[in-house]
């Protein structure tokens, strides 16, 4: 009887083995196909990302080249406006000067509450903002509470530098009329 039991046990074990192998291969095949499809998709996305990165770099270089072309023209226009205003005895633009170049609220994105928050942090003039480095931005941004992130998103440092350097035409071209 021991022999018979061993033969039955062996038969059941062999059937279980073949059944397990069959189920394993039947599950593995679709997963292997899916993995291959996903691998191809990943390769395609990586290729697309590389193409987009190249296009972004090309566009950034083009913007830089355009800025280099515009800057001398904008500087010349600002000089002509100042000379014309001096000759007429009026402010730049032919109208009475209504813009206080050190009023933080002339920066796009800075309203009365944001200006108060900046003043509370000791920032009261555009010249101060124009001189900020990356670490200065991080320190001041940490003190801005609800306005956190606005220094970078509103490009306040770039705005302040253009105004500080008297490049009003370039400022208005990039950020809108003062």
N, C-alpha and C. Protein backbone atom coordinates (compact mmCIF):
# COMPACT_ATOMS: atom_id res chain seq x y z
N UNK A 1 0.81 -1.17 0.00
CA UNK A 1 0.00 0.00 0.00
C UNK A 1 0.86 1.24 0.00
N UNK A 2 1.99 1.21 0.55
CA UNK A 2 2.88 2.33 0.56
C UNK A 2 3.30 2.68 -0.87
N UNK A 3 3.52 1.69 -1.67
CA UNK A 3 3.91 1.89 -3.03
C UNK A 3 2.81 2.58 -3.82
N UNK A 4 1.57 2.17 -3.57
CA UNK A 4 0.43 2.72 -4.26
C UNK A 4 0.23 4.19 -3.86
N UNK A 5 0.38 4.47 -2.59
CA UNK A 5 0.23 5.83 -2.11
C UNK A 5 1.32 6.71 -2.69
N UNK A 6 2.51 6.23 -2.76
CA UNK A 6 3.60 6.99 -3.34
C UNK A 6 3.37 7.25 -4.81
N UNK A 7 2.83 6.30 -5.52
CA UNK A 7 2.55 6.47 -6.94
C UNK A 7 1.47 7.52 -7.13
N UNK A 8 0.41 7.48 -6.29
CA UNK A 8 -0.64 8.49 -6.38
C UNK A 8 -0.10 9.87 -6.03
N UNK A 9 0.69 9.91 -5.01
CA UNK A 9 1.28 11.17 -4.58
C UNK A 9 2.19 11.72 -5.67
N UNK A 10 2.94 10.84 -6.28
CA UNK A 10 3.82 11.26 -7.37
C UNK A 10 3.01 11.76 -8.55
N UNK A 11 1.93 11.09 -8.88
CA UNK A 11 1.06 11.50 -10.00
C UNK A 11 0.44 12.86 -9.71
N UNK A 12 -0.05 13.06 -8.49
CA UNK A 12 -0.65 14.34 -8.11
C UNK A 12 0.41 15.44 -8.15
N UNK A 13 1.61 15.13 -7.67
CA UNK A 13 2.68 16.12 -7.68
C UNK A 13 3.06 16.50 -9.10
N UNK A 14 3.15 15.50 -10.00
CA UNK A 14 3.47 15.80 -11.41
C UNK A 14 2.37 16.63 -12.06
N UNK A 15 1.13 16.28 -11.80
CA UNK A 15 0.00 17.04 -12.37
C UNK A 15 0.04 18.48 -11.83
N UNK A 16 0.29 18.64 -10.53
CA UNK A 16 0.37 19.98 -9.93
C UNK A 16 1.53 20.77 -10.52
N UNK A 17 2.65 20.07 -10.76
CA UNK A 17 3.81 20.73 -11.36
C UNK A 17 3.49 21.22 -12.75
N UNK A 18 2.90 20.35 -13.58
CA UNK A 18 2.55 20.75 -14.96
C UNK A 18 1.49 21.83 -14.97
N UNK A 19 0.53 21.71 -14.07
CA UNK A 19 -0.52 22.73 -13.97
C UNK A 19 0.09 24.06 -13.54
N UNK A 20 0.99 24.05 -12.58
CA UNK A 20 1.66 25.27 -12.13
C UNK A 20 2.49 25.91 -13.23
N UNK A 21 3.23 25.06 -13.97
CA UNK A 21 4.02 25.58 -15.09
C UNK A 21 3.12 26.19 -16.16
N UNK A 22 2.02 25.51 -16.46
CA UNK A 22 1.09 26.01 -17.48
C UNK A 22 0.51 27.36 -17.06
N UNK A 23 0.06 27.44 -15.81
CA UNK A 23 -0.52 28.70 -15.32
C UNK A 23 0.56 29.79 -15.29
N UNK A 24 1.75 29.45 -14.85
CA UNK A 24 2.84 30.42 -14.81
C UNK A 24 3.18 30.98 -16.18
N UNK A 25 3.30 30.09 -17.18
CA UNK A 25 3.61 30.56 -18.54
C UNK A 25 2.44 31.34 -19.14
N UNK A 26 1.21 30.93 -18.82
CA UNK A 26 0.07 31.65 -19.39
C UNK A 26 -0.06 33.04 -18.76
N UNK A 27 0.36 33.21 -17.52
CA UNK A 27 0.35 34.53 -16.89
C UNK A 27 1.54 35.37 -17.34
N UNK A 28 2.68 34.71 -17.50
CA UNK A 28 3.92 35.40 -17.83
C UNK A 28 3.90 35.98 -19.24
N UNK A 29 3.33 35.27 -20.19
CA UNK A 29 3.35 35.71 -21.59
C UNK A 29 2.70 37.09 -21.77
N UNK A 30 1.46 37.31 -21.28
CA UNK A 30 0.88 38.65 -21.44
C UNK A 30 1.65 39.73 -20.69
N UNK A 31 2.17 39.37 -19.52
CA UNK A 31 2.95 40.35 -18.76
C UNK A 31 4.24 40.72 -19.49
N UNK A 32 4.84 39.72 -20.14
CA UNK A 32 6.05 39.98 -20.90
C UNK A 32 5.75 40.89 -22.09
N UNK A 33 4.61 40.65 -22.76
CA UNK A 33 4.21 41.51 -23.88
C UNK A 33 3.94 42.93 -23.39
N UNK A 34 3.25 43.04 -22.25
CA UNK A 34 2.94 44.36 -21.69
C UNK A 34 4.22 45.09 -21.31
N UNK A 35 5.18 44.37 -20.73
CA UNK A 35 6.46 44.98 -20.37
C UNK A 35 7.19 45.48 -21.61
N UNK A 36 7.13 44.71 -22.70
CA UNK A 36 7.77 45.12 -23.95
C UNK A 36 7.11 46.38 -24.51
N UNK A 37 5.78 46.42 -24.46
CA UNK A 37 5.05 47.61 -24.94
C UNK A 37 5.41 48.83 -24.10
N UNK A 38 5.44 48.65 -22.79
CA UNK A 38 5.79 49.76 -21.90
C UNK A 38 7.23 50.22 -22.12
N UNK A 39 8.11 49.29 -22.36
CA UNK A 39 9.51 49.62 -22.63
C UNK A 39 9.62 50.46 -23.91
N UNK A 40 8.88 50.07 -24.95
CA UNK A 40 8.87 50.85 -26.19
C UNK A 40 8.29 52.24 -25.95
N UNK A 41 7.24 52.30 -25.14
CA UNK A 41 6.63 53.60 -24.85
C UNK A 41 7.60 54.50 -24.09
N UNK A 42 8.32 53.93 -23.13
CA UNK A 42 9.31 54.69 -22.37
C UNK A 42 10.39 55.21 -23.30
N UNK A 43 10.85 54.38 -24.21
CA UNK A 43 11.87 54.79 -25.17
C UNK A 43 11.36 55.95 -26.02
N UNK A 44 10.11 55.84 -26.48
CA UNK A 44 9.52 56.92 -27.27
C UNK A 44 9.40 58.21 -26.49
N UNK A 45 8.99 58.11 -25.22
CA UNK A 45 8.87 59.30 -24.38
C UNK A 45 10.23 59.93 -24.09
N UNK A 46 11.24 59.10 -23.89
CA UNK A 46 12.59 59.63 -23.67
C UNK A 46 13.09 60.36 -24.92
N UNK A 47 12.80 59.80 -26.08
CA UNK A 47 13.19 60.44 -27.34
C UNK A 47 12.46 61.77 -27.50
N UNK A 48 11.15 61.77 -27.16
CA UNK A 48 10.36 63.00 -27.25
C UNK A 48 10.87 64.05 -26.28
N UNK A 49 11.23 63.63 -25.05
CA UNK A 49 11.79 64.56 -24.07
C UNK A 49 13.09 65.16 -24.57
N UNK A 50 13.94 64.33 -25.18
CA UNK A 50 15.20 64.84 -25.71
C UNK A 50 14.95 65.87 -26.82
N UNK A 51 13.97 65.59 -27.68
CA UNK A 51 13.63 66.53 -28.75
C UNK A 51 13.09 67.83 -28.18
N UNK A 52 12.24 67.73 -27.16
CA UNK A 52 11.68 68.94 -26.55
C UNK A 52 12.75 69.74 -25.82
N UNK A 53 13.68 69.06 -25.19
CA UNK A 53 14.79 69.75 -24.51
C UNK A 53 15.63 70.51 -25.53
N UNK A 54 15.90 69.87 -26.66
CA UNK A 54 16.66 70.52 -27.71
C UNK A 54 15.91 71.74 -28.24
N UNK A 55 14.61 71.60 -28.44
CA UNK A 55 13.79 72.71 -28.93
C UNK A 55 13.76 73.85 -27.91
N UNK A 56 13.63 73.50 -26.61
CA UNK A 56 13.64 74.52 -25.56
C UNK A 56 14.96 75.29 -25.57
N UNK A 57 16.07 74.57 -25.67
CA UNK A 57 17.38 75.21 -25.69
C UNK A 57 17.54 76.12 -26.90
N UNK A 58 17.02 75.67 -28.05
CA UNK A 58 17.08 76.48 -29.26
C UNK A 58 16.27 77.76 -29.08
N UNK A 59 15.07 77.63 -28.52
CA UNK A 59 14.22 78.80 -28.30
C UNK A 59 14.82 79.76 -27.28
N UNK A 60 15.45 79.22 -26.24
CA UNK A 60 16.10 80.09 -25.25
C UNK A 60 17.25 80.86 -25.89
N UNK A 61 18.01 80.20 -26.76
CA UNK A 61 19.10 80.88 -27.46
C UNK A 61 18.55 81.96 -28.39
N UNK A 62 17.42 81.67 -29.03
CA UNK A 62 16.80 82.65 -29.92
C UNK A 62 16.29 83.86 -29.13
N UNK A 63 15.69 83.61 -27.97
CA UNK A 63 15.22 84.73 -27.13
C UNK A 63 16.39 85.57 -26.67
N UNK A 64 17.49 84.92 -26.29
CA UNK A 64 18.68 85.64 -25.85
C UNK A 64 19.23 86.51 -26.99
N UNK A 65 19.24 85.97 -28.20
CA UNK A 65 19.72 86.73 -29.36
C UNK A 65 18.80 87.92 -29.64
N UNK A 66 17.48 87.71 -29.53
CA UNK A 66 16.52 88.80 -29.75
C UNK A 66 16.70 89.88 -28.68
N UNK A 67 16.90 89.46 -27.44
CA UNK A 67 17.12 90.44 -26.37
C UNK A 67 18.38 91.26 -26.63
N UNK A 68 19.41 90.59 -27.14
CA UNK A 68 20.66 91.30 -27.46
C UNK A 68 20.43 92.32 -28.57
N UNK A 69 19.52 92.02 -29.49
CA UNK A 69 19.20 92.97 -30.56
C UNK A 69 18.35 94.13 -30.04
N UNK A 70 17.44 93.82 -29.15
CA UNK A 70 16.50 94.84 -28.65
C UNK A 70 17.15 95.79 -27.66
N UNK A 71 18.05 95.27 -26.83
CA UNK A 71 18.63 96.08 -25.75
C UNK A 71 19.24 97.40 -26.25
N UNK A 72 20.12 97.39 -27.28
CA UNK A 72 20.68 98.68 -27.71
C UNK A 72 19.62 99.63 -28.25
N UNK A 73 18.62 99.08 -28.94
CA UNK A 73 17.56 99.93 -29.47
C UNK A 73 16.72 100.54 -28.35
N UNK A 74 16.43 99.72 -27.34
CA UNK A 74 15.65 100.22 -26.20
C UNK A 74 16.44 101.27 -25.43
N UNK A 75 17.74 101.05 -25.26
CA UNK A 75 18.58 102.03 -24.57
C UNK A 75 18.62 103.34 -25.34
N UNK A 76 18.74 103.25 -26.65
CA UNK A 76 18.76 104.46 -27.48
C UNK A 76 17.43 105.19 -27.40
N UNK A 77 16.34 104.46 -27.42
CA UNK A 77 15.02 105.07 -27.31
C UNK A 77 14.86 105.77 -25.96
N UNK A 78 15.32 105.12 -24.89
CA UNK A 78 15.26 105.75 -23.56
C UNK A 78 16.07 107.05 -23.54
N UNK A 79 17.25 107.02 -24.14
CA UNK A 79 18.09 108.21 -24.19
C UNK A 79 17.39 109.33 -24.96
N UNK A 80 16.81 108.98 -26.10
CA UNK A 80 16.09 109.98 -26.89
C UNK A 80 14.90 110.55 -26.12
N UNK A 81 14.19 109.72 -25.41
CA UNK A 81 13.06 110.20 -24.61
C UNK A 81 13.53 111.17 -23.53
N UNK A 82 14.63 110.82 -22.85
CA UNK A 82 15.15 111.71 -21.81
C UNK A 82 15.60 113.04 -22.41
N UNK A 83 16.32 112.98 -23.55
CA UNK A 83 16.77 114.21 -24.20
C UNK A 83 15.59 115.07 -24.64
N UNK A 84 14.57 114.42 -25.20
CA UNK A 84 13.38 115.14 -25.65
C UNK A 84 12.66 115.78 -24.46
N UNK A 85 12.57 115.04 -23.37
CA UNK A 85 11.90 115.56 -22.18
C UNK A 85 12.66 116.75 -21.61
N UNK A 86 14.00 116.67 -21.61
CA UNK A 86 14.81 117.79 -21.12
C UNK A 86 14.60 119.02 -22.00
N UNK A 87 14.57 118.80 -23.31
CA UNK A 87 14.41 119.91 -24.24
C UNK A 87 13.05 120.59 -24.06
N UNK A 88 12.03 119.82 -23.75
CA UNK A 88 10.69 120.38 -23.57
C UNK A 88 10.45 120.82 -22.14
N UNK A 89 11.33 120.45 -21.24
CA UNK A 89 11.16 120.82 -19.84
C UNK A 89 10.08 120.01 -19.14
N UNK A 90 9.82 118.81 -19.65
CA UNK A 90 8.82 117.95 -19.03
C UNK A 90 9.48 116.64 -18.62
N UNK A 91 8.69 115.78 -18.06
CA UNK A 91 9.18 114.46 -17.66
C UNK A 91 9.24 113.56 -18.89
N UNK A 92 9.87 112.39 -18.73
CA UNK A 92 9.97 111.42 -19.82
C UNK A 92 8.57 111.07 -20.29
N UNK A 93 8.37 111.11 -21.63
CA UNK A 93 7.06 110.79 -22.20
C UNK A 93 6.25 112.04 -22.49
N UNK A 94 6.76 113.22 -22.13
CA UNK A 94 6.07 114.45 -22.45
C UNK A 94 4.97 114.81 -21.46
N UNK A 95 4.78 114.00 -20.44
CA UNK A 95 3.74 114.27 -19.45
C UNK A 95 4.42 114.55 -18.11
N UNK A 96 3.72 115.20 -17.21
CA UNK A 96 4.31 115.39 -15.89
C UNK A 96 4.66 114.04 -15.28
N UNK A 97 5.78 114.00 -14.56
CA UNK A 97 6.24 112.75 -13.97
C UNK A 97 5.25 112.30 -12.90
N UNK A 98 4.59 111.16 -13.12
CA UNK A 98 3.63 110.63 -12.16
C UNK A 98 4.14 109.32 -11.56
N UNK A 99 5.33 108.91 -11.98
CA UNK A 99 5.88 107.64 -11.54
C UNK A 99 7.03 107.88 -10.58
N UNK A 100 6.90 107.35 -9.40
CA UNK A 100 7.99 107.38 -8.43
C UNK A 100 8.77 106.09 -8.63
N UNK A 101 9.96 106.21 -9.19
CA UNK A 101 10.76 105.05 -9.57
C UNK A 101 11.13 104.19 -8.37
N UNK A 102 11.00 104.73 -7.14
CA UNK A 102 11.31 103.93 -5.96
C UNK A 102 10.07 103.43 -5.24
N UNK A 103 8.89 103.64 -5.80
CA UNK A 103 7.66 103.12 -5.22
C UNK A 103 7.53 101.65 -5.61
N UNK A 104 7.57 100.77 -4.64
CA UNK A 104 7.53 99.33 -4.91
C UNK A 104 6.26 98.92 -5.65
N UNK A 105 5.18 99.70 -5.50
CA UNK A 105 3.91 99.33 -6.12
C UNK A 105 3.91 99.50 -7.64
N UNK A 106 4.96 100.11 -8.22
CA UNK A 106 4.98 100.19 -9.69
C UNK A 106 5.45 98.87 -10.29
N UNK A 107 6.02 98.00 -9.48
CA UNK A 107 6.41 96.67 -9.96
C UNK A 107 5.14 95.86 -10.21
N UNK A 108 5.07 95.21 -11.34
CA UNK A 108 3.90 94.39 -11.67
C UNK A 108 3.82 93.24 -10.67
N UNK A 109 2.65 93.11 -10.05
CA UNK A 109 2.44 92.06 -9.06
C UNK A 109 2.56 92.53 -7.63
N UNK A 110 3.00 93.78 -7.42
CA UNK A 110 3.14 94.29 -6.05
C UNK A 110 2.02 95.30 -5.80
N UNK A 111 1.10 94.90 -4.94
CA UNK A 111 0.02 95.78 -4.53
C UNK A 111 0.32 96.33 -3.15
N UNK A 112 -0.63 97.04 -2.58
CA UNK A 112 -0.41 97.64 -1.26
C UNK A 112 -0.06 96.63 -0.16
N UNK A 113 -0.73 95.49 -0.14
CA UNK A 113 -0.47 94.50 0.92
C UNK A 113 0.89 93.85 0.76
N UNK A 114 1.25 93.53 -0.50
CA UNK A 114 2.57 92.94 -0.75
C UNK A 114 3.66 93.96 -0.43
N UNK A 115 3.42 95.24 -0.77
CA UNK A 115 4.39 96.29 -0.46
C UNK A 115 4.56 96.42 1.06
N UNK A 116 3.47 96.30 1.81
CA UNK A 116 3.55 96.35 3.27
C UNK A 116 4.38 95.18 3.80
N UNK A 117 4.17 94.01 3.24
CA UNK A 117 4.91 92.82 3.66
C UNK A 117 6.40 92.99 3.38
N UNK A 118 6.73 93.55 2.20
CA UNK A 118 8.13 93.82 1.87
C UNK A 118 8.73 94.86 2.83
N UNK A 119 7.96 95.91 3.11
CA UNK A 119 8.43 96.95 4.03
C UNK A 119 8.69 96.37 5.43
N UNK A 120 7.83 95.43 5.84
CA UNK A 120 8.02 94.79 7.14
C UNK A 120 9.32 93.98 7.17
N UNK A 121 9.75 93.52 6.00
CA UNK A 121 11.02 92.77 5.90
C UNK A 121 12.20 93.72 5.67
N UNK A 122 11.94 95.03 5.64
CA UNK A 122 13.02 96.01 5.48
C UNK A 122 13.29 96.40 4.04
N UNK A 123 12.42 96.00 3.13
CA UNK A 123 12.60 96.32 1.71
C UNK A 123 11.68 97.49 1.38
N UNK A 124 12.29 98.66 1.07
CA UNK A 124 11.49 99.86 0.81
C UNK A 124 11.77 100.49 -0.53
N UNK A 125 12.86 100.08 -1.22
CA UNK A 125 13.18 100.70 -2.51
C UNK A 125 13.43 99.64 -3.57
N UNK A 126 13.24 100.05 -4.79
CA UNK A 126 13.49 99.18 -5.94
C UNK A 126 14.97 98.85 -6.04
N UNK A 127 15.83 99.80 -5.65
CA UNK A 127 17.28 99.56 -5.70
C UNK A 127 17.67 98.35 -4.86
N UNK A 128 17.02 98.17 -3.72
CA UNK A 128 17.33 97.02 -2.87
C UNK A 128 16.99 95.72 -3.59
N UNK A 129 15.85 95.68 -4.22
CA UNK A 129 15.42 94.46 -4.93
C UNK A 129 16.33 94.19 -6.12
N UNK A 130 16.76 95.25 -6.81
CA UNK A 130 17.61 95.09 -8.00
C UNK A 130 18.94 94.43 -7.65
N UNK A 131 19.39 94.56 -6.42
CA UNK A 131 20.67 93.99 -6.02
C UNK A 131 20.58 92.60 -5.41
N UNK A 132 19.42 92.00 -5.40
CA UNK A 132 19.26 90.69 -4.77
C UNK A 132 19.95 89.58 -5.54
N UNK A 133 20.51 88.64 -4.79
CA UNK A 133 21.06 87.41 -5.36
C UNK A 133 20.04 86.29 -5.10
N UNK A 134 20.35 85.09 -5.56
CA UNK A 134 19.46 83.96 -5.34
C UNK A 134 19.23 83.66 -3.88
N UNK A 135 20.28 83.77 -3.07
CA UNK A 135 20.13 83.50 -1.64
C UNK A 135 19.31 84.60 -0.96
N UNK A 136 19.46 85.84 -1.43
CA UNK A 136 18.65 86.93 -0.87
C UNK A 136 17.17 86.68 -1.14
N UNK A 137 16.88 86.21 -2.33
CA UNK A 137 15.49 85.93 -2.70
C UNK A 137 14.92 84.86 -1.77
N UNK A 138 15.69 83.82 -1.51
CA UNK A 138 15.21 82.74 -0.62
C UNK A 138 14.93 83.27 0.78
N UNK A 139 15.83 84.10 1.30
CA UNK A 139 15.66 84.62 2.66
C UNK A 139 14.42 85.50 2.74
N UNK A 140 14.29 86.44 1.82
CA UNK A 140 13.15 87.36 1.84
C UNK A 140 11.86 86.61 1.56
N UNK A 141 11.91 85.66 0.62
CA UNK A 141 10.71 84.89 0.27
C UNK A 141 10.20 84.12 1.49
N UNK A 142 11.10 83.69 2.34
CA UNK A 142 10.70 82.99 3.55
C UNK A 142 9.93 83.87 4.52
N UNK A 143 10.04 85.18 4.38
CA UNK A 143 9.35 86.12 5.26
C UNK A 143 8.04 86.63 4.68
N UNK A 144 7.67 86.17 3.48
CA UNK A 144 6.53 86.75 2.78
C UNK A 144 5.18 86.13 3.09
N UNK A 145 5.13 85.06 3.87
CA UNK A 145 3.85 84.48 4.27
C UNK A 145 2.99 84.10 3.07
N UNK A 146 1.81 84.73 2.96
CA UNK A 146 0.88 84.43 1.87
C UNK A 146 1.45 84.78 0.50
N UNK A 147 2.46 85.63 0.46
CA UNK A 147 3.03 86.06 -0.81
C UNK A 147 4.26 85.24 -1.19
N UNK A 148 4.50 84.14 -0.49
CA UNK A 148 5.66 83.28 -0.76
C UNK A 148 5.62 82.80 -2.21
N UNK A 149 6.76 82.91 -2.90
CA UNK A 149 6.88 82.47 -4.28
C UNK A 149 6.62 83.57 -5.30
N UNK A 150 6.06 84.67 -4.86
CA UNK A 150 5.70 85.75 -5.78
C UNK A 150 6.92 86.51 -6.29
N UNK A 151 7.99 86.55 -5.51
CA UNK A 151 9.19 87.27 -5.94
C UNK A 151 9.70 86.66 -7.25
N UNK A 152 9.74 85.34 -7.30
CA UNK A 152 10.22 84.65 -8.50
C UNK A 152 9.16 84.65 -9.58
N UNK A 153 7.92 84.29 -9.23
CA UNK A 153 6.87 84.17 -10.25
C UNK A 153 6.56 85.50 -10.92
N UNK A 154 6.63 86.60 -10.19
CA UNK A 154 6.37 87.93 -10.77
C UNK A 154 7.62 88.58 -11.33
N UNK A 155 8.76 87.90 -11.24
CA UNK A 155 10.05 88.39 -11.78
C UNK A 155 10.39 89.77 -11.22
N UNK A 156 10.23 89.93 -9.92
CA UNK A 156 10.45 91.24 -9.31
C UNK A 156 11.89 91.72 -9.44
N UNK A 157 12.85 90.82 -9.35
CA UNK A 157 14.25 91.23 -9.43
C UNK A 157 14.55 91.76 -10.84
N UNK A 158 14.06 91.07 -11.86
CA UNK A 158 14.29 91.55 -13.23
C UNK A 158 13.62 92.89 -13.46
N UNK A 159 12.38 93.02 -12.97
CA UNK A 159 11.68 94.30 -13.11
C UNK A 159 12.48 95.41 -12.44
N UNK A 160 12.93 95.15 -11.21
CA UNK A 160 13.65 96.16 -10.44
C UNK A 160 14.97 96.53 -11.13
N UNK A 161 15.67 95.56 -11.67
CA UNK A 161 16.94 95.85 -12.34
C UNK A 161 16.72 96.74 -13.56
N UNK A 162 15.70 96.44 -14.35
CA UNK A 162 15.43 97.27 -15.52
C UNK A 162 15.09 98.70 -15.11
N UNK A 163 14.27 98.86 -14.09
CA UNK A 163 13.90 100.20 -13.63
C UNK A 163 15.09 100.92 -13.01
N UNK A 164 15.87 100.20 -12.22
CA UNK A 164 17.06 100.78 -11.58
C UNK A 164 18.06 101.27 -12.63
N UNK A 165 18.20 100.52 -13.71
CA UNK A 165 19.14 100.89 -14.78
C UNK A 165 18.54 101.91 -15.74
N UNK A 166 17.28 102.30 -15.53
CA UNK A 166 16.64 103.30 -16.39
C UNK A 166 16.25 102.77 -17.75
N UNK A 167 16.11 101.48 -17.87
CA UNK A 167 15.76 100.85 -19.15
C UNK A 167 14.24 100.70 -19.22
N UNK A 168 13.56 101.84 -19.30
CA UNK A 168 12.10 101.87 -19.25
C UNK A 168 11.46 101.23 -20.47
N UNK A 169 12.04 101.45 -21.64
CA UNK A 169 11.46 100.87 -22.86
C UNK A 169 11.50 99.36 -22.80
N UNK A 170 12.62 98.80 -22.38
CA UNK A 170 12.72 97.35 -22.26
C UNK A 170 11.77 96.84 -21.19
N UNK A 171 11.65 97.59 -20.10
CA UNK A 171 10.71 97.21 -19.04
C UNK A 171 9.29 97.14 -19.61
N UNK A 172 8.87 98.19 -20.30
CA UNK A 172 7.52 98.24 -20.83
C UNK A 172 7.30 97.19 -21.91
N UNK A 173 8.34 96.85 -22.66
CA UNK A 173 8.22 95.81 -23.66
C UNK A 173 7.97 94.45 -23.00
N UNK A 174 8.66 94.19 -21.91
CA UNK A 174 8.55 92.88 -21.26
C UNK A 174 7.40 92.78 -20.27
N UNK A 175 7.13 93.87 -19.53
CA UNK A 175 6.17 93.77 -18.43
C UNK A 175 4.94 94.65 -18.59
N UNK A 176 4.89 95.46 -19.60
CA UNK A 176 3.72 96.32 -19.81
C UNK A 176 4.01 97.75 -19.37
N UNK A 177 3.08 98.61 -19.73
CA UNK A 177 3.21 100.04 -19.48
C UNK A 177 3.32 100.32 -17.99
N UNK A 178 4.17 101.29 -17.66
CA UNK A 178 4.31 101.73 -16.27
C UNK A 178 3.08 102.52 -15.85
